[in-house]
Protein backbone atom coordinates (compact mmCIF):
# COMPACT_ATOMS: atom_id res chain seq x y z
CA MET A 1 33.31 -35.62 -15.63
CA LYS A 2 35.30 -38.55 -14.55
CA TYR A 3 32.57 -40.34 -12.96
CA GLY A 4 30.40 -40.08 -16.09
CA TYR A 5 29.69 -43.68 -17.21
CA LEU A 6 30.27 -45.12 -13.60
CA LEU A 7 27.33 -42.88 -12.37
CA PHE A 8 25.18 -44.24 -15.06
CA LEU A 9 25.98 -48.05 -14.04
CA MET A 10 25.64 -47.32 -10.42
CA GLY A 11 22.29 -45.91 -11.03
CA PHE A 12 21.12 -48.65 -13.35
CA PHE A 13 21.95 -51.41 -10.83
CA ASN A 14 20.29 -49.55 -7.98
CA TRP A 15 17.10 -48.76 -9.95
CA GLY A 16 14.76 -51.19 -8.47
CA TYR A 17 15.61 -50.22 -4.87
CA ALA A 18 16.12 -46.51 -5.03
CA GLN A 19 13.92 -43.81 -3.09
CA SER A 20 13.15 -41.27 -5.50
CA GLY A 21 14.06 -37.39 -4.73
CA LEU A 22 13.20 -34.45 -6.68
CA HIS A 23 14.56 -30.80 -6.38
CA PRO A 24 16.60 -31.14 -3.35
CA LYS A 25 17.87 -28.25 -1.21
CA TRP A 26 20.38 -28.10 1.66
CA VAL A 27 18.64 -27.66 5.12
CA ASN A 28 22.26 -27.31 6.75
CA GLU A 29 25.56 -29.02 6.25
CA THR A 30 24.19 -32.51 7.42
CA GLU A 31 20.54 -32.55 6.06
CA VAL A 32 18.89 -32.17 2.78
CA VAL A 33 15.12 -31.93 1.78
CA TYR A 34 13.30 -33.07 -1.21
CA TYR A 35 10.01 -34.66 -2.33
CA ASP A 36 9.14 -37.85 -4.09
CA ARG A 37 6.61 -38.63 -6.89
CA SER A 38 3.82 -39.50 -4.47
CA GLY A 39 3.96 -36.01 -3.12
CA LYS A 40 5.82 -36.56 0.18
CA VAL A 41 8.41 -34.14 1.41
CA TRP A 42 11.43 -35.87 3.20
CA VAL A 43 14.12 -34.33 5.39
CA HIS A 44 17.20 -36.70 4.72
CA ASN A 45 20.27 -36.94 7.09
CA ILE A 46 23.37 -37.33 5.11
CA GLU A 47 25.50 -39.05 7.68
CA SER A 48 23.14 -41.49 8.92
CA ARG A 49 21.27 -41.96 5.61
CA GLN A 50 18.04 -41.87 7.57
CA ARG A 51 15.00 -39.65 6.37
CA ARG A 52 11.84 -38.71 7.93
CA GLU A 53 8.67 -37.54 6.35
CA LEU A 54 8.02 -33.68 6.88
CA THR A 55 4.73 -33.11 5.07
CA ASN A 56 2.87 -33.50 1.79
CA GLY A 57 3.72 -31.12 -1.02
CA SER A 58 6.52 -30.42 -3.45
CA GLN A 59 9.53 -28.10 -4.20
CA PRO A 60 10.36 -27.62 -0.46
CA ALA A 61 12.72 -24.71 0.47
CA PRO A 62 14.20 -24.50 4.05
CA ASN A 63 14.66 -21.03 5.53
CA PRO A 64 18.49 -20.81 6.04
CA VAL A 65 18.35 -18.67 9.45
CA ARG A 66 15.06 -20.01 10.76
CA PRO A 67 15.17 -23.76 11.73
CA GLY A 68 12.07 -25.70 10.95
CA VAL A 69 10.43 -22.96 8.51
CA TYR A 70 9.93 -24.10 5.14
CA ALA A 71 8.43 -22.72 1.88
CA LEU A 72 6.88 -25.23 -0.53
CA ARG A 73 4.15 -25.89 -3.17
CA LYS A 74 1.15 -27.21 -1.46
CA ARG A 75 -2.51 -27.33 -1.58
CA ALA A 76 -4.14 -25.48 1.25
CA ASN A 77 -7.51 -23.70 1.67
CA GLY A 78 -9.01 -25.38 -1.42
CA LYS A 79 -6.19 -24.43 -3.89
CA SER A 80 -2.52 -24.94 -4.73
CA GLY A 81 0.20 -22.44 -4.23
CA ILE A 82 3.25 -21.32 -2.34
CA VAL A 83 2.76 -21.65 1.36
CA ILE A 84 5.01 -21.09 4.40
CA MET A 85 5.15 -23.78 7.12
CA ASP A 86 6.62 -23.95 10.63
CA GLU A 87 7.63 -27.57 11.43
CA LYS A 88 6.67 -26.80 15.09
CA GLN A 89 3.11 -25.83 13.80
CA PRO A 90 2.60 -27.95 10.52
CA ASP A 91 -1.02 -27.11 10.34
CA ASP A 92 -0.73 -23.52 10.46
CA LEU A 93 0.04 -22.55 6.94
CA LEU A 94 0.51 -19.15 5.25
CA MET A 95 -0.57 -19.05 1.74
CA ILE A 96 1.29 -16.65 -0.53
CA ASP A 97 -1.63 -15.53 -2.87
CA THR A 98 -0.61 -13.73 -6.14
CA ARG A 99 -4.31 -12.84 -6.34
CA VAL A 100 -4.15 -13.48 -10.18
CA PRO A 101 -7.03 -15.96 -11.06
CA GLY A 102 -5.69 -19.16 -12.55
CA GLN A 103 -2.06 -18.27 -12.00
CA ASN A 104 0.23 -21.23 -10.98
CA SER A 105 3.18 -20.58 -8.67
CA TYR A 106 6.46 -22.76 -8.56
CA HIS A 107 9.97 -23.02 -7.28
CA PRO A 108 10.11 -21.11 -4.05
CA ILE A 109 13.69 -20.24 -2.73
CA TRP A 110 14.68 -18.12 0.29
CA SER A 111 17.46 -15.31 0.22
CA PHE A 112 20.65 -16.00 2.14
CA ASP A 113 19.30 -13.84 5.10
CA GLY A 114 16.06 -15.63 5.19
CA ASN A 115 14.01 -12.57 4.93
CA TYR A 116 12.82 -12.86 1.27
CA LEU A 117 11.22 -15.69 -0.65
CA ALA A 118 11.21 -15.69 -4.29
CA PHE A 119 9.05 -17.87 -6.74
CA ASN A 120 7.85 -17.69 -10.40
CA ALA A 121 4.14 -17.73 -11.54
CA GLU A 122 2.85 -18.51 -14.85
CA HIS A 123 0.12 -16.40 -16.27
CA PRO A 124 -2.90 -18.27 -17.41
CA GLY A 125 -3.66 -18.42 -21.03
CA ASN A 126 -0.04 -17.39 -22.34
CA LYS A 127 3.35 -18.60 -22.06
CA THR A 128 4.65 -15.74 -19.82
CA SER A 129 5.51 -15.62 -16.29
CA THR A 130 6.28 -13.33 -13.44
CA LEU A 131 8.94 -13.20 -10.90
CA TYR A 132 7.42 -12.70 -7.26
CA ILE A 133 9.24 -11.87 -4.02
CA TYR A 134 7.62 -12.19 -0.66
CA ASP A 135 9.05 -9.89 2.13
CA TYR A 136 8.83 -12.36 5.21
CA GLN A 137 8.97 -9.57 7.92
CA LYS A 138 6.69 -7.08 6.28
CA LYS A 139 4.17 -9.81 4.83
CA SER A 140 4.08 -8.15 1.63
CA LEU A 141 4.38 -9.40 -2.08
CA ARG A 142 5.63 -7.57 -5.12
CA PRO A 143 5.86 -8.75 -8.70
CA TYR A 144 8.83 -8.22 -11.00
CA LEU A 145 9.63 -8.80 -14.44
CA GLU A 146 6.17 -9.28 -15.53
CA ASP A 147 5.27 -10.59 -19.12
CA ARG A 148 8.57 -12.42 -19.41
CA ILE A 149 9.51 -16.10 -19.54
CA VAL A 150 11.39 -16.55 -16.36
CA GLY A 151 12.58 -19.90 -14.80
CA ALA A 152 13.19 -20.88 -11.33
CA PRO A 153 14.97 -18.19 -9.29
CA SER A 154 17.76 -18.01 -6.62
CA PHE A 155 19.46 -15.56 -4.70
CA PHE A 156 23.05 -14.02 -4.58
CA PRO A 157 24.42 -13.44 -1.20
CA ASN A 158 23.75 -9.71 -1.67
CA GLY A 159 20.06 -10.11 -2.48
CA ASP A 160 20.26 -9.89 -6.27
CA VAL A 161 18.01 -12.49 -8.00
CA LEU A 162 19.60 -15.24 -10.30
CA LEU A 163 17.18 -16.53 -12.89
CA PRO A 164 17.14 -18.19 -16.37
CA THR A 165 14.90 -16.65 -18.82
CA HIS A 166 14.37 -16.70 -22.65
CA ASP A 167 12.60 -14.67 -25.33
CA GLU A 168 11.84 -16.46 -28.34
CA GLU A 169 15.05 -18.51 -29.34
CA VAL A 170 17.42 -16.51 -27.02
CA PHE A 171 18.19 -18.26 -23.68
CA SER A 172 19.84 -16.02 -20.98
CA LEU A 173 21.13 -16.08 -17.54
CA LEU A 174 20.33 -12.92 -15.60
CA ARG A 175 21.24 -11.18 -12.30
CA PHE A 176 18.31 -8.94 -11.18
CA ASN A 177 18.67 -6.07 -8.63
CA ARG A 178 15.12 -5.53 -7.43
CA ALA A 179 16.09 -2.09 -5.86
CA THR A 180 17.20 -0.59 -9.06
CA GLY A 181 14.99 -2.68 -11.36
CA LYS A 182 18.23 -3.36 -13.59
CA THR A 183 19.28 -6.71 -15.02
CA ILE A 184 22.68 -7.83 -15.92
CA THR A 185 23.03 -10.63 -18.42
CA LEU A 186 25.57 -13.23 -17.08
CA SER A 187 25.28 -15.51 -20.08
CA SER A 188 23.22 -15.70 -23.34
CA ASP A 189 23.70 -17.88 -26.21
CA ASN A 190 21.86 -20.93 -27.88
CA LEU A 191 22.34 -23.06 -24.82
CA ARG A 192 19.34 -23.77 -22.53
CA TYR A 193 19.78 -22.93 -18.87
CA PHE A 194 17.89 -24.92 -16.18
CA PHE A 195 18.04 -24.23 -12.37
CA ALA A 196 20.98 -21.84 -11.43
CA ASP A 197 22.48 -21.52 -8.03
CA ALA A 198 25.10 -18.78 -6.69
CA SER A 199 27.96 -19.73 -4.50
CA PRO A 200 27.97 -18.52 -0.94
CA ASP A 201 30.73 -16.14 -1.85
CA GLY A 202 28.79 -14.79 -4.83
CA ASN A 203 31.69 -15.60 -7.42
CA LYS A 204 30.47 -18.78 -9.17
CA VAL A 205 27.00 -20.27 -10.44
CA VAL A 206 26.30 -23.86 -10.81
CA VAL A 207 23.75 -24.39 -13.58
CA GLY A 208 22.14 -27.18 -15.63
CA MET A 209 22.79 -26.70 -19.39
CA THR A 210 22.06 -28.16 -22.59
CA ASP A 211 21.88 -27.29 -26.34
CA LYS A 212 18.90 -27.70 -28.92
CA GLU A 213 20.42 -30.70 -30.42
CA ASN A 214 20.37 -32.52 -27.01
CA ALA A 215 17.57 -30.88 -25.33
CA GLU A 216 16.79 -33.80 -23.05
CA ASN A 217 20.23 -34.29 -21.55
CA TYR A 218 21.00 -31.58 -19.12
CA ASP A 219 24.61 -31.62 -17.56
CA LEU A 220 25.98 -29.52 -14.71
CA TRP A 221 28.35 -26.55 -15.33
CA MET A 222 30.17 -24.09 -13.45
CA LEU A 223 30.29 -20.52 -14.30
CA ASP A 224 33.02 -18.24 -12.92
CA LEU A 225 31.75 -14.79 -12.75
CA LYS A 226 35.11 -13.29 -12.33
CA THR A 227 36.83 -14.76 -15.26
CA GLY A 228 33.71 -15.55 -17.45
CA GLN A 229 34.96 -19.06 -17.93
CA LYS A 230 32.60 -22.13 -18.08
CA LYS A 231 33.57 -25.61 -16.88
CA GLN A 232 31.67 -28.72 -17.36
CA LEU A 233 31.17 -30.81 -14.28
CA THR A 234 29.10 -33.79 -15.38
CA ASN A 235 29.04 -35.53 -18.84
CA THR A 236 26.65 -38.56 -18.64
CA PRO A 237 23.66 -40.26 -20.46
CA VAL A 238 21.53 -39.05 -17.79
CA LYS A 239 20.10 -35.87 -16.70
CA GLU A 240 21.75 -33.69 -13.88
CA PHE A 241 20.44 -30.30 -13.14
CA CYS A 242 19.20 -28.37 -10.05
CA GLY A 243 22.53 -28.08 -8.53
CA ARG A 244 22.73 -26.46 -5.02
CA TRP A 245 25.68 -25.24 -3.06
CA SER A 246 26.05 -26.42 0.35
CA PRO A 247 26.15 -23.51 3.03
CA SER A 248 29.94 -23.74 3.34
CA GLY A 249 30.41 -23.80 -0.43
CA GLU A 250 32.26 -27.19 -0.29
CA LYS A 251 29.63 -29.44 -1.86
CA LEU A 252 27.02 -29.62 -4.49
CA LEU A 253 23.52 -31.05 -4.05
CA VAL A 254 22.21 -32.37 -7.55
CA PHE A 255 18.96 -33.74 -8.88
CA SER A 256 19.60 -36.52 -11.41
CA GLU A 257 16.91 -38.22 -13.72
CA MET A 258 16.85 -41.07 -16.10
CA GLU A 259 13.80 -42.72 -17.52
CA GLY A 260 11.59 -41.46 -14.99
CA THR A 261 13.66 -42.47 -11.99
CA TYR A 262 15.10 -39.72 -9.74
CA HIS A 263 18.11 -39.46 -7.59
CA VAL A 264 19.82 -36.88 -5.09
CA LEU A 265 23.46 -36.77 -5.44
CA ILE A 266 26.10 -34.98 -3.52
CA MET A 267 29.48 -34.12 -5.07
CA ASP A 268 32.48 -31.98 -4.71
CA THR A 269 32.47 -28.69 -6.58
CA ASN A 270 34.65 -30.21 -9.26
CA GLY A 271 31.99 -32.85 -10.03
CA GLU A 272 34.01 -35.63 -8.39
CA ASN A 273 33.34 -38.04 -5.34
CA VAL A 274 29.72 -38.57 -6.12
CA ILE A 275 27.57 -39.96 -3.46
CA ASN A 276 23.89 -41.30 -4.32
CA LEU A 277 21.74 -40.42 -1.27
CA THR A 278 18.48 -41.80 -2.49
CA ALA A 279 19.76 -45.15 -3.60
CA THR A 280 20.42 -46.16 0.12
CA ALA A 281 17.98 -44.15 1.93
CA ASN A 282 16.31 -45.65 5.11
CA GLU A 283 13.10 -44.27 6.70
CA GLU A 284 12.87 -43.51 10.29
């Protein structure tokens, strides 16, 4: 929270020169991946500040144990959906088809062991959506939590799924065990949750939150699952959400937005020592 207005000014004076980056994720401790508004996916080296174009698409998700394997939202075979791509064979795409006509799929994310891919899909004609999980080894797809309003999923280290959801005016953060079908409510109140991610040890969750009175300004919060305490990490006039833990659990990757300009930030887990990656990106 200390960097607050300084971050706002830093972003303002770099506005005209910034390379935009949306929905970033860690590839490993030294690389991140994101996409820009033109629909290009980039892999960005943190140390060199160099970035290289990976492919066209959006919402990329690198497999944590299979280097070069990505899931992303992409148009293939005449339709848009979630595909799995191997960087070594970029034209050999596996489309994950929900087989529901008109259904749109979003926000793919891999489990910690790299064997499962989760995403959500909106039902055509209504406001509900479904959580899908794809078994990478068995090549099978299964729906969960149908006819709910579920947000972007992520995984706990043990394979449980973390996802924001809401029913009418009640917003909740859920932990879902797909083996038992049971859900545990981690937090439920009048706050709105947007993109949540569990720490590598499974004890904490970083999540974008806001309230109804300030619905357009998300800030980043930390939830301690052992104590139940919430700690605000950012408090700025810009949006910060889509926080992602680094593989070591020592850093956070954050998506920041203001007036249509998008930035990728890296910060300590207490919200300090912020680095704006996309303000100084160089293309290879």
